[in-house]
Amino acid sequence: MNERLSGDELVALVRRVFQPRENEKGLAILVDLPDEQVPDNEDWIARRAIAVDWTAELRAHEAELGLKTTLVLYRNVHTNNGDLPERCWIHQGGPLPTSANSLHASASIAFVDMFAANPILLVPTQFSATAPLKIAAKKYPIRAATMAGFRHDMVPALRLDYTEVNRRVNYLKQLLDRATGADFRFVYPGGEALLHLDLRFRSAHASGGLLPNPGAAGNLPSGEAYIVPFEGETEPSLSAGELPVQFGNELVRYRIVGNKAVEVLTQGPASRAEAEHLAREPAYGNLAELGLGVLAGFGVKPIGKVLLDEKLGLHIAFGRSEHFGGQVGPAAFSSPEAVIHIDRVYVPETQPDVLVKRVDLVMEDGQALALMRDGQYVVTFN
């Protein structure tokens, strides 16, 4: 069954998430369009329909909300967290174009001009725009809720008590801020993998679903604390060990040295593809994020989309990190299309053959703090 947000629910969501200020007059809903390189699909079509529906509902409540809503189109960038194009298009009404090839350059406007008119952004796109919008938010007084891969079955997660979500996320952020490292023990059929992530010289971030201040961008639905492991920019990173990731029925194991996946230790089609990716794009092997989601504690279940699934529990990302405070950005990749930040989510439904047996944080005093056992948090959120 397709869930939808009513106009009243959308108004309440915008007010809760952004807490609009008197001087803010514009809200933009951004969607990317398919092209000959990335063809359309049913979820993408449905997502654009959601954006059209939200635009109509918010326009009907414009006087109540105090924000003019604009639907903005742009060419998809072919990869998650690749840089945005320089220009976009204001949708003037009627059916949406089905391809970016229908967009005419003469009708486009600069993204920076769109930012100036619309300081509040909802971004239900095919490809994640979190990284470039975090960078843009450092330059322009915008705030953006990124919603890559959003689907109707994520709507219930928008109705959560985000005050409590935010409280739990900030509790985990404080733990990560005090930690110098994290030790993992993964168990899989026939073996186990041990991994240490170096968390020195880093500050954690809280993405609790609230974006009340200009200069911020984060996911919605939300509910995670996250940190970039130390990447060795001033001295060698201590991140090392093995990391297992399940791709379908195949388990791929990476050897980690200096916070980078430097080798694939397994055999199989997915293993070969991953080894080729690492050889082609070494920056892809950067361990870019340790994330701790909390939404499983609210009864939310995975749906096979990273936007929601990563908020349920542990996830570790590969690739781009500079938008989170790390050192690996687009320049480290061979082309704009190769830029990527991708999360590997460790919950039973997404990686059933990999059990997160143990996660301990190494605190500043050298003591170990038990964070997770058998995939569940053992810390108390109080």
Foldseek 3Di string as FASTA:
>chain_A
DFAADALVRLLVLCCQAAVDDPVAAAEEEEEEAAAPVGADDDLNVQLVVNSVVNLVSCCVCCVVNRYRYWYKYAHDLQAAQFAGDQKIATDPDDDDDRGPVVDDPVRIDGPVVVCVNHQEYEYAYQHWNQLNVLVVLQVGQHEYATRHSDGSVCVVLSVDPLVVLQLLQVVVQVQLQQFQKKWFWKDFVPGIKIKIFGSPPKHKDGDSSHHHGTSYYYYPVARKIKIFTAQQPPHQTPTFIKDWFDDPPDIWIFGDGSQFRPAIPDDDDVNVVVRVLCVQQVQQRHFAMWMAAPCVVVVDDDDPDCSPQQNHGTKIKGHDHVSVPHDGDPVSGPDSSSHHIDIGHDDCVRPVRMWRAFMWTQGPVRDTDTQDHRRHGPDDSD
